[in-house]
Amino acid sequence: MSGQGHRRQVLHVLTALDFGGVESQMRLIADRGAASRWPRAFLAIGGGGAVLDALHRLGAEAGALGCAARIPSPAAAWALWRHLRRTRPAIVHLHGAEANFHGTLAARLAGVPVVIAEEIGIPRHSARARRTFAQLYRRCDRVVAISQAVKDSLILLGEATEAQVEVIHNPFQPQPFYWLPPRGAALELGFVGRLEPVKNPMAAIEAVAILRAQGMAARLRLVGDGSLRPALVQRIAELGLEDAVTLCGFDPDPFARLVGCHVYLQPSLTEGFGLAVCEAMSAGLPVIASAVGGVPEIINHGQTGWLLLKPDAAALADAITAVQAMDAADVQAIAKRAADHVVGRFSIPAYLARCDALYDRLALAAGVGR
């Protein structure tokens, strides 16, 4: 398809522009836009919020359609088609299942030269959904997976082939590096994430109960909010941990709440990539995380952190005990090595360079800019 008459622009489409990992990624892209060869714009199918406001403050072209994004939504597809016909971007980069579904249909009907779908997590699709997405992805110029684990899942489910999928790891915002505090009377543990079942914060709370029963003065800070909060409050009371576990709530600067922690916990049941893991490592926090999804692509067990093979409270407590038994200088060396690793490998300049190379290649094939 010829790219004549289309703007040399990438339009990023996602479900919402409020809070979340993908939304934060859009803010990073907008903030570092000068490092890319491609001008960017941003569009939410649903509502806006904090990230949309941040994009506007950065001077980015960004908006929200205000449509229900649940699949299928004819209204969402129609609104996207109208937007694409009016703005005529050369490339549409879709993020997440809802955007991939509605955006692929709308972009192809609108004649967008290049369409890229991005899978932002490990798919958990029914047989019918697998067939649907396999059909959609055949109409895309490329499918981006945010980790090798996500790519492997797409291929295993039959939604895409090896040749269709390209792995581009998510970028993240490095945190200020803090040297670990001296070991004192209490072991301070930290967790950042949505208080949802998939993030498994209950395991962290129950691990604290196990450690305290074993005589270790462990304390935990949970930064985030979500549907599990009432259940977590109840469980904390049942275990008598009111003085040991702090529910900090949502914080736009969560790692500032973890200054003074000795170990970071991420006992997730699944992770498409693991942005919070990268952020914790960059902050100099030793990380114990579940060996799920893309996390093993971030952590080299025993060298840049520790992988948890079974994400339950007992295994987590054992891992914490093992790290505490190590020499403090060795733990600090692992934390420093981890910070250097993630900052070097998953930086926003590296991400933008990978995306630009993909955009250039697909745009050339589509005749954009000729």
Protein backbone atom coordinates (compact mmCIF):
# COMPACT_ATOMS: atom_id res chain seq x y z
CA MET A 1 0.00 0.00 0.00
CA SER A 2 1.37 3.43 -0.89
CA GLY A 3 2.08 5.84 1.94
CA GLN A 4 1.41 8.93 -0.14
CA GLY A 5 -0.83 11.44 1.60
CA HIS A 6 -0.12 10.09 5.08
CA ARG A 7 1.69 12.04 7.78
CA ARG A 8 5.12 10.79 8.83
CA GLN A 9 3.82 10.00 12.29
CA VAL A 10 3.36 7.04 14.61
CA LEU A 11 0.04 6.94 16.43
CA HIS A 12 0.14 4.88 19.63
CA VAL A 13 -3.29 3.48 20.51
CA LEU A 14 -4.11 1.92 23.89
CA THR A 15 -7.12 1.29 26.07
CA ALA A 16 -6.75 4.23 28.49
CA LEU A 17 -4.37 7.03 29.42
CA ASP A 18 -4.70 7.08 33.18
CA PHE A 19 -2.42 4.90 35.34
CA GLY A 20 -0.57 1.69 34.50
CA GLY A 21 2.57 0.25 32.96
CA VAL A 22 1.65 0.84 29.31
CA GLU A 23 0.47 4.36 30.11
CA SER A 24 3.77 5.11 31.87
CA GLN A 25 5.59 3.82 28.81
CA MET A 26 3.74 6.35 26.65
CA ARG A 27 4.83 9.14 28.98
CA LEU A 28 8.45 7.98 28.67
CA ILE A 29 8.19 7.92 24.87
CA ALA A 30 6.73 11.43 24.79
CA ASP A 31 9.34 12.74 27.22
CA ARG A 32 12.22 11.36 25.12
CA GLY A 33 10.61 11.98 21.74
CA ALA A 34 13.54 14.05 20.49
CA ALA A 35 15.64 10.87 20.49
CA SER A 36 13.37 9.24 17.88
CA ARG A 37 13.28 9.79 14.14
CA TRP A 38 9.48 9.42 14.18
CA PRO A 39 7.04 12.01 15.55
CA ARG A 40 4.54 10.39 17.93
CA ALA A 41 0.90 10.92 18.87
CA PHE A 42 -1.14 9.09 21.50
CA LEU A 43 -4.78 8.00 21.61
CA ALA A 44 -6.87 6.18 24.21
CA ILE A 45 -9.94 4.23 23.12
CA GLY A 46 -11.47 4.83 26.54
CA GLY A 47 -10.83 7.65 28.97
CA GLY A 48 -7.95 9.88 29.87
CA GLY A 49 -6.55 10.77 33.25
CA ALA A 50 -3.18 11.36 34.85
CA VAL A 51 -1.05 10.19 31.92
CA LEU A 52 -3.13 12.09 29.35
CA ASP A 53 -2.61 15.23 31.45
CA ALA A 54 1.12 14.50 31.63
CA LEU A 55 1.31 14.04 27.85
CA HIS A 56 -0.38 17.40 27.33
CA ARG A 57 2.09 19.06 29.72
CA LEU A 58 4.90 17.59 27.62
CA GLY A 59 3.36 19.16 24.52
CA ALA A 60 2.44 15.80 22.96
CA GLU A 61 -0.45 15.31 20.57
CA ALA A 62 -2.75 13.13 22.66
CA GLY A 63 -6.45 12.47 23.16
CA ALA A 64 -9.12 10.04 24.35
CA LEU A 65 -12.16 8.81 22.43
CA GLY A 66 -14.21 8.00 25.52
CA CYS A 67 -15.53 4.70 24.10
CA ALA A 68 -16.09 1.41 25.88
CA ALA A 69 -13.15 -0.77 24.84
CA ARG A 70 -14.63 -4.17 25.69
CA ILE A 71 -14.32 -6.60 22.76
CA PRO A 72 -16.24 -6.27 20.51
CA SER A 73 -17.21 -2.60 20.48
CA PRO A 74 -18.48 -1.34 17.12
CA ALA A 75 -18.54 2.17 18.58
CA ALA A 76 -14.83 1.96 19.43
CA ALA A 77 -13.91 0.67 15.97
CA TRP A 78 -16.03 3.38 14.32
CA ALA A 79 -14.51 6.17 16.43
CA LEU A 80 -11.00 4.91 15.70
CA TRP A 81 -11.74 4.72 11.96
CA ARG A 82 -12.99 8.31 11.96
CA HIS A 83 -9.91 9.50 13.87
CA LEU A 84 -7.54 7.69 11.50
CA ARG A 85 -9.29 9.00 8.41
CA ARG A 86 -8.93 12.53 9.76
CA THR A 87 -5.32 12.38 11.08
CA ARG A 88 -3.85 9.97 8.47
CA PRO A 89 -0.80 8.65 10.38
CA ALA A 90 1.68 6.55 8.42
CA ILE A 91 2.02 4.02 11.23
CA VAL A 92 -0.39 2.83 13.90
CA HIS A 93 1.23 1.07 16.87
CA LEU A 94 -1.42 -0.70 18.96
CA HIS A 95 -0.89 -1.77 22.58
CA GLY A 96 -2.95 -4.50 24.26
CA ALA A 97 -5.79 -6.81 23.27
CA GLU A 98 -8.55 -4.18 23.05
CA ALA A 99 -6.41 -1.83 20.97
CA ASN A 100 -5.15 -4.69 18.80
CA PHE A 101 -8.68 -5.89 18.05
CA HIS A 102 -10.41 -2.60 17.31
CA GLY A 103 -7.33 -0.80 15.99
CA THR A 104 -6.40 -3.42 13.41
CA LEU A 105 -9.90 -3.37 11.94
CA ALA A 106 -10.13 0.42 11.95
CA ALA A 107 -6.61 1.00 10.60
CA ARG A 108 -7.02 -1.38 7.69
CA LEU A 109 -10.39 0.09 6.76
CA ALA A 110 -8.89 3.58 7.00
CA GLY A 111 -6.00 2.66 4.70
CA VAL A 112 -3.17 3.16 7.21
CA PRO A 113 0.02 1.99 5.45
CA VAL A 114 1.64 0.26 8.46
CA VAL A 115 -0.18 -1.48 11.32
CA ILE A 116 1.71 -2.92 14.30
CA ALA A 117 -0.02 -4.85 17.09
CA GLU A 118 1.71 -5.25 20.43
CA GLU A 119 0.92 -7.99 22.94
CA ILE A 120 1.59 -6.57 26.41
CA GLY A 121 1.08 -9.73 28.47
CA ILE A 122 0.93 -13.50 28.40
CA PRO A 123 -2.29 -14.25 26.45
CA ARG A 124 -5.02 -16.17 28.25
CA HIS A 125 -7.39 -16.58 25.31
CA SER A 126 -10.20 -19.04 24.66
CA ALA A 127 -10.06 -21.20 21.55
CA ARG A 128 -12.44 -18.79 19.81
CA ALA A 129 -10.32 -15.77 20.78
CA ARG A 130 -7.19 -17.51 19.54
CA ARG A 131 -8.74 -17.96 16.12
CA THR A 132 -9.91 -14.35 16.10
CA PHE A 133 -6.51 -12.91 16.97
CA ALA A 134 -4.76 -15.22 14.53
CA GLN A 135 -6.93 -13.70 11.79
CA LEU A 136 -6.27 -10.16 13.03
CA TYR A 137 -2.52 -10.59 13.33
CA ARG A 138 -2.32 -11.84 9.76
CA ARG A 139 -3.59 -8.39 8.77
CA CYS A 140 -0.83 -6.61 10.70
CA ASP A 141 2.59 -5.79 9.31
CA ARG A 142 4.25 -6.96 12.52
CA VAL A 143 3.33 -8.19 15.98
CA VAL A 144 5.53 -6.90 18.79
CA ALA A 145 5.96 -9.00 21.94
CA ILE A 146 7.30 -7.28 25.05
CA SER A 147 9.32 -10.36 26.03
CA GLN A 148 10.47 -13.65 24.57
CA ALA A 149 8.00 -15.36 26.92
CA VAL A 150 5.13 -13.43 25.33
CA LYS A 151 6.36 -14.32 21.84
CA ASP A 152 6.61 -18.00 22.76
CA SER A 153 3.05 -17.91 24.11
CA LEU A 154 1.67 -16.32 20.93
CA ILE A 155 3.33 -19.00 18.82
CA LEU A 156 2.24 -21.83 21.14
CA LEU A 157 -1.38 -20.61 21.01
CA GLY A 158 -1.26 -20.48 17.22
CA GLU A 159 -2.03 -16.75 17.13
CA ALA A 160 1.15 -15.81 15.27
CA THR A 161 4.16 -17.38 13.62
CA GLU A 162 7.83 -16.97 14.37
CA ALA A 163 8.22 -14.70 11.33
CA GLN A 164 5.35 -12.41 12.39
CA VAL A 165 6.59 -11.58 15.88
CA GLU A 166 9.43 -9.31 16.95
CA VAL A 167 10.54 -8.97 20.57
CA ILE A 168 11.08 -5.42 21.81
CA HIS A 169 11.44 -5.26 25.57
CA ASN A 170 9.63 -2.48 27.36
CA PRO A 171 11.63 0.53 28.52
CA PHE A 172 11.44 1.76 32.08
CA GLN A 173 12.25 4.85 34.10
CA PRO A 174 15.39 4.22 36.18
CA GLN A 175 14.97 5.10 39.84
CA PRO A 176 17.48 6.97 42.00
CA PHE A 177 20.03 4.43 43.23
CA TYR A 178 20.17 3.95 47.00
CA TRP A 179 22.85 1.93 48.73
CA LEU A 180 21.32 -0.67 50.99
CA PRO A 181 20.83 0.46 54.61
CA PRO A 182 22.76 -1.41 57.32
CA ARG A 183 21.02 -4.46 58.68
CA GLY A 184 19.32 -3.47 61.89
CA ALA A 185 16.79 -4.91 64.27
CA ALA A 186 14.13 -5.27 61.56
CA LEU A 187 14.22 -6.61 58.02
CA GLU A 188 12.38 -4.13 55.77
CA LEU A 189 10.66 -5.66 52.74
CA GLY A 190 8.99 -3.81 49.84
CA PHE A 191 6.40 -4.49 47.15
CA VAL A 192 5.04 -2.25 44.36
CA GLY A 193 2.09 -3.20 42.20
CA ARG A 194 -1.63 -3.42 41.74
CA LEU A 195 -3.34 -5.16 44.63
CA GLU A 196 -4.85 -7.76 42.32
CA PRO A 197 -4.69 -11.57 42.38
CA VAL A 198 -2.22 -11.75 39.49
CA LYS A 199 0.33 -9.72 41.48
CA ASN A 200 -0.09 -12.07 44.47
CA PRO A 201 0.44 -9.57 47.32
CA MET A 202 -1.18 -12.03 49.74
CA ALA A 203 1.90 -14.26 49.47
CA ALA A 204 4.11 -11.39 50.62
CA ILE A 205 1.94 -10.77 53.68
CA GLU A 206 1.81 -14.44 54.61
CA ALA A 207 5.59 -14.74 54.13
CA VAL A 208 6.03 -12.01 56.75
CA ALA A 209 3.90 -14.05 59.16
CA ILE A 210 6.11 -17.11 58.55
CA LEU A 211 9.31 -15.12 59.09
CA ARG A 212 8.05 -13.57 62.31
CA ALA A 213 6.97 -16.99 63.59
CA GLN A 214 10.55 -18.09 62.97
CA GLY A 215 11.87 -15.21 65.06
CA MET A 216 12.80 -12.75 62.29
CA ALA A 217 11.58 -9.18 62.85
CA ALA A 218 10.30 -8.65 59.30
CA ARG A 219 8.21 -5.70 58.14
CA LEU A 220 6.54 -5.13 54.79
CA ARG A 221 5.49 -2.04 52.82
CA LEU A 222 2.93 -2.60 50.06
CA VAL A 223 2.68 0.32 47.62
CA GLY A 224 -0.34 0.19 45.34
CA ASP A 225 -4.08 -0.22 45.37
CA GLY A 226 -6.68 -2.54 43.88
CA SER A 227 -9.58 -4.88 44.44
CA LEU A 228 -7.73 -7.09 46.95
CA ARG A 229 -7.21 -4.31 49.48
CA PRO A 230 -10.18 -5.30 51.74
CA ALA A 231 -9.08 -8.95 51.73
CA LEU A 232 -5.50 -7.93 52.54
CA VAL A 233 -6.65 -5.75 55.43
CA GLN A 234 -8.65 -8.70 56.80
CA ARG A 235 -5.74 -11.12 56.43
CA ILE A 236 -3.33 -8.70 58.13
CA ALA A 237 -5.71 -8.53 61.09
CA GLU A 238 -6.13 -12.32 61.19
CA LEU A 239 -2.37 -12.77 61.33
CA GLY A 240 -1.86 -10.00 63.88
CA LEU A 241 0.41 -8.07 61.53
CA GLU A 242 -1.07 -4.59 61.94
CA ASP A 243 2.28 -3.27 63.22
CA ALA A 244 4.34 -5.20 60.66
CA VAL A 245 2.57 -4.59 57.32
CA THR A 246 1.84 -1.13 55.93
CA LEU A 247 -0.61 -0.65 53.06
CA CYS A 248 0.76 2.57 51.59
CA GLY A 249 -1.88 2.95 48.86
CA PHE A 250 -1.22 4.31 45.40
CA ASP A 251 1.76 6.63 45.03
CA PRO A 252 2.89 8.17 41.70
CA ASP A 253 6.47 7.85 43.00
CA PRO A 254 6.23 4.41 44.62
CA PHE A 255 9.90 3.65 45.06
CA ALA A 256 10.38 6.73 47.19
CA ARG A 257 8.22 4.86 49.72
CA LEU A 258 10.70 1.98 49.75
CA VAL A 259 13.80 3.94 50.72
CA GLY A 260 15.33 2.01 53.62
CA CYS A 261 14.12 -1.39 52.45
CA HIS A 262 16.52 -4.34 52.35
CA VAL A 263 14.73 -6.64 49.86
CA TYR A 264 12.10 -6.17 47.15
CA LEU A 265 9.44 -8.85 46.57
CA GLN A 266 7.52 -9.56 43.35
CA PRO A 267 5.65 -12.88 43.83
CA SER A 268 3.46 -12.45 40.73
CA LEU A 269 1.54 -15.35 39.22
CA THR A 270 2.31 -14.04 35.73
CA GLU A 271 4.22 -11.10 34.21
CA GLY A 272 4.39 -10.14 30.56
CA PHE A 273 7.67 -8.36 31.23
CA GLY A 274 8.22 -6.93 34.74
CA LEU A 275 8.63 -3.13 34.77
CA ALA A 276 8.45 -2.92 38.55
CA VAL A 277 11.22 -5.52 38.77
CA CYS A 278 13.42 -3.35 36.53
CA GLU A 279 12.63 -0.24 38.57
CA ALA A 280 13.42 -1.98 41.85
CA MET A 281 16.71 -3.29 40.47
CA SER A 282 17.67 0.16 39.21
CA ALA A 283 17.00 1.56 42.68
CA GLY A 284 19.59 -0.79 44.17
CA LEU A 285 17.07 -3.09 45.85
CA PRO A 286 17.89 -6.81 45.88
CA VAL A 287 14.94 -8.48 44.12
CA ILE A 288 13.22 -11.80 44.75
CA ALA A 289 10.69 -12.36 41.96
CA SER A 290 8.63 -15.20 40.53
CA ALA A 291 10.23 -16.98 37.58
CA VAL A 292 7.20 -16.30 35.37
CA GLY A 293 6.70 -14.63 31.99
CA GLY A 294 9.45 -12.22 31.07
CA VAL A 295 11.05 -12.01 34.52
CA PRO A 296 13.76 -14.64 33.80
CA GLU A 297 14.80 -12.43 30.88
CA ILE A 298 15.55 -9.68 33.42
CA ILE A 299 17.04 -11.56 36.38
CA ASN A 300 19.98 -13.94 36.22
CA HIS A 301 19.38 -16.07 39.32
CA GLY A 302 22.06 -15.58 41.94
CA GLN A 303 23.84 -12.94 39.84
CA THR A 304 21.40 -10.02 39.52
CA GLY A 305 18.66 -11.23 41.86
CA TRP A 306 16.78 -14.36 42.83
CA LEU A 307 14.04 -16.24 40.98
CA LEU A 308 11.20 -17.85 42.85
CA LEU A 309 10.12 -21.13 41.25
CA LYS A 310 6.97 -21.44 43.34
CA PRO A 311 5.21 -18.13 44.10
CA ASP A 312 3.74 -19.06 47.46
CA ALA A 313 4.36 -17.73 50.97
CA ALA A 314 6.52 -20.61 52.17
CA ALA A 315 8.87 -20.49 49.17
CA LEU A 316 9.05 -16.70 49.42
CA ALA A 317 9.93 -16.86 53.14
CA ASP A 318 12.64 -19.44 52.39
CA ALA A 319 14.13 -17.21 49.68
CA ILE A 320 14.15 -14.18 51.99
CA THR A 321 15.84 -16.22 54.72
CA ALA A 322 18.50 -17.42 52.26
CA VAL A 323 19.27 -13.86 51.13
CA GLN A 324 19.48 -12.70 54.75
CA ALA A 325 22.00 -15.46 55.44
CA MET A 326 24.34 -14.08 52.78
CA ASP A 327 27.15 -11.67 53.54
CA ALA A 328 25.84 -8.10 53.33
CA ALA A 329 28.65 -7.07 50.97
CA ASP A 330 27.76 -9.88 48.56
CA VAL A 331 24.10 -8.83 48.55
CA GLN A 332 25.13 -5.23 47.88
CA ALA A 333 27.34 -6.35 44.98
CA ILE A 334 24.43 -8.25 43.42
CA ALA A 335 22.20 -5.20 43.80
CA LYS A 336 24.74 -2.94 42.11
CA ARG A 337 25.29 -5.41 39.29
CA ALA A 338 21.53 -5.67 38.81
CA ALA A 339 21.14 -1.90 38.57
CA ASP A 340 23.88 -1.64 35.95
CA HIS A 341 22.32 -4.50 33.99
CA VAL A 342 18.77 -3.16 33.68
CA VAL A 343 19.79 0.45 33.09
CA GLY A 344 22.05 -0.64 30.25
CA ARG A 345 19.71 -3.16 28.63
CA PHE A 346 16.21 -1.71 29.03
CA SER A 347 16.81 2.02 28.70
CA ILE A 348 14.44 4.28 26.77
CA PRO A 349 17.14 5.18 24.17
CA ALA A 350 17.65 1.47 23.42
CA TYR A 351 13.88 0.98 23.12
CA LEU A 352 13.40 3.96 20.80
CA ALA A 353 16.26 2.79 18.59
CA ARG A 354 14.67 -0.67 18.25
CA CYS A 355 11.28 0.83 17.43
CA ASP A 356 12.72 3.30 14.93
CA ALA A 357 14.50 0.47 13.11
CA LEU A 358 11.21 -1.45 12.91
CA TYR A 359 9.26 1.62 11.76
CA ASP A 360 11.85 2.48 9.12
CA ARG A 361 11.86 -1.03 7.72
CA LEU A 362 8.07 -1.37 7.54
CA ALA A 363 7.57 2.18 6.26
CA LEU A 364 10.03 1.59 3.44
CA ALA A 365 8.21 -1.58 2.42
CA ALA A 366 4.89 0.32 2.45
CA GLY A 367 6.22 3.20 0.36
CA VAL A 368 6.00 5.79 3.16
CA GLY A 369 8.26 8.76 2.54
CA ARG A 370 9.12 7.85 -1.05
